[in-house]
Amino acid sequence: MESWLDSDDVDLLTTGVLALGNFARTDSHCIYMVENKTMDKLLEVLAKNNGVKDDVRLQHALLSTLRNLVIPKPNKGAVIQAGLVETILPMLEIHQPPVVFKLLGTLRMTVDGQGKYF
């Protein structure tokens, strides 16, 4: 499924992100996905799809998966350093309720308990 992240087909890409998000439901899987650099690939895809005119379904899937990845405490610093915050800041311009909801949840989970970074 990770290879689907290289697809130009938005449906296949979205399906791959959703499938990876399903694996990112336990701390051990999330930690593995950050250590294995799957998180970097997800951030690359998000950086290409973080605008107002991009596919809302893909944005929602990416934010859901990234939110899951930042829940384990060991992942928070790594994901912040990888550029999550800078990548999702342009999404503040998107006013689609599903994206806004996931964006705020992702930001909240990212900074939760991370006072030393901010």
Protein backbone atom coordinates (compact mmCIF):
# COMPACT_ATOMS: atom_id res chain seq x y z
CA MET A 1 0.00 0.00 0.00
CA GLU A 2 2.91 2.31 0.59
CA SER A 3 3.74 2.11 -3.12
CA TRP A 4 0.26 3.49 -3.86
CA LEU A 5 1.47 6.80 -2.43
CA ASP A 6 3.41 7.27 -5.68
CA SER A 7 0.28 7.03 -7.83
CA ASP A 8 -1.05 9.87 -9.96
CA ASP A 9 -4.56 8.39 -9.63
CA VAL A 10 -6.18 10.33 -6.78
CA ASP A 11 -8.52 7.42 -5.96
CA LEU A 12 -5.67 4.93 -5.62
CA LEU A 13 -3.63 7.48 -3.68
CA THR A 14 -6.52 8.16 -1.30
CA THR A 15 -7.13 4.44 -0.85
CA GLY A 16 -3.44 3.90 0.00
CA VAL A 17 -3.50 6.70 2.57
CA LEU A 18 -6.70 5.36 4.15
CA ALA A 19 -5.26 1.84 4.31
CA LEU A 20 -2.10 3.11 5.99
CA GLY A 21 -4.28 5.11 8.36
CA ASN A 22 -6.00 1.89 9.38
CA PHE A 23 -2.63 0.40 10.29
CA ALA A 24 -1.81 3.54 12.28
CA ARG A 25 -4.26 2.56 15.00
CA THR A 26 -1.80 1.20 17.53
CA ASP A 27 1.19 2.91 19.08
CA SER A 28 3.57 0.21 17.88
CA HIS A 29 2.40 0.52 14.27
CA CYS A 30 2.58 4.33 14.44
CA ILE A 31 6.10 4.26 15.85
CA TYR A 32 7.13 1.78 13.15
CA MET A 33 5.67 4.01 10.42
CA VAL A 34 7.63 7.02 11.67
CA GLU A 35 10.87 5.06 12.10
CA ASN A 36 10.38 3.46 8.67
CA LYS A 37 9.91 6.94 7.08
CA THR A 38 6.37 6.22 5.88
CA MET A 39 5.51 9.47 7.61
CA ASP A 40 7.92 11.35 5.32
CA LYS A 41 6.14 10.00 2.25
CA LEU A 42 2.77 11.02 3.69
CA LEU A 43 4.11 14.53 4.29
CA GLU A 44 5.39 14.68 0.70
CA VAL A 45 1.95 13.77 -0.60
CA LEU A 46 0.32 16.32 1.69
CA ALA A 47 2.73 19.05 0.59
CA LYS A 48 1.52 18.49 -2.99
CA ASN A 49 -2.14 18.46 -1.95
CA ASN A 50 -2.52 21.10 0.76
CA GLY A 51 -4.31 23.79 -1.25
CA VAL A 52 -7.87 25.02 -1.54
CA LYS A 53 -8.35 23.40 -4.96
CA ASP A 54 -6.97 19.97 -4.03
CA ASP A 55 -9.09 16.86 -3.41
CA VAL A 56 -10.90 17.11 -0.06
CA ARG A 57 -11.13 13.32 0.30
CA LEU A 58 -7.36 12.97 -0.03
CA GLN A 59 -6.72 15.85 2.35
CA HIS A 60 -9.08 14.33 4.93
CA ALA A 61 -7.40 10.92 4.61
CA LEU A 62 -3.90 12.40 4.94
CA LEU A 63 -4.80 14.45 8.00
CA SER A 64 -6.52 11.45 9.61
CA THR A 65 -3.47 9.26 9.11
CA LEU A 66 -1.01 11.92 10.25
CA ARG A 67 -3.15 12.62 13.32
CA ASN A 68 -2.93 8.94 14.24
CA LEU A 69 0.84 8.99 13.76
CA VAL A 70 1.39 11.85 16.23
CA ILE A 71 -0.57 10.26 19.07
CA PRO A 72 2.36 8.21 20.48
CA LYS A 73 4.61 10.51 22.48
CA PRO A 74 7.87 9.31 20.82
CA ASN A 75 6.51 10.36 17.40
CA LYS A 76 5.56 13.95 18.22
CA GLY A 77 9.03 15.47 18.01
CA ALA A 78 9.99 13.46 14.93
CA VAL A 79 6.89 14.49 13.02
CA ILE A 80 7.29 18.14 14.04
CA GLN A 81 10.93 18.10 12.93
CA ALA A 82 9.93 16.46 9.64
CA GLY A 83 7.85 19.54 8.85
CA LEU A 84 4.27 18.65 9.67
CA VAL A 85 3.35 22.09 10.97
CA GLU A 86 4.82 23.93 8.00
CA THR A 87 3.13 21.52 5.60
CA ILE A 88 -0.35 21.91 7.06
CA LEU A 89 -0.30 25.67 7.71
CA PRO A 90 -1.43 26.51 4.12
CA MET A 91 -4.50 24.36 4.82
CA LEU A 92 -5.82 27.03 7.17
CA GLU A 93 -7.26 28.64 4.02
CA ILE A 94 -9.46 25.59 3.35
CA HIS A 95 -12.99 26.03 4.66
CA GLN A 96 -14.37 22.55 3.98
CA PRO A 97 -15.74 21.22 7.32
CA PRO A 98 -14.16 17.73 7.05
CA VAL A 99 -10.72 19.24 6.40
CA VAL A 100 -11.06 21.91 9.09
CA PHE A 101 -12.10 19.29 11.66
CA LYS A 102 -9.15 16.99 10.85
CA LEU A 103 -6.71 19.89 10.56
CA LEU A 104 -7.55 21.14 14.04
CA GLY A 105 -7.42 17.62 15.45
CA THR A 106 -4.03 16.99 13.87
CA LEU A 107 -2.62 20.23 15.23
CA ARG A 108 -4.04 19.55 18.68
CA MET A 109 -2.62 16.03 18.85
CA THR A 110 0.73 17.26 17.54
CA VAL A 111 1.25 19.90 20.21
CA ASP A 112 -0.42 18.02 23.07
CA GLY A 113 2.23 17.60 25.75
CA GLN A 114 4.95 19.27 23.67
CA GLY A 115 5.46 22.51 25.58
CA LYS A 116 9.23 22.33 25.18
CA TYR A 117 8.92 22.72 21.38
CA PHE A 118 6.74 25.83 21.44
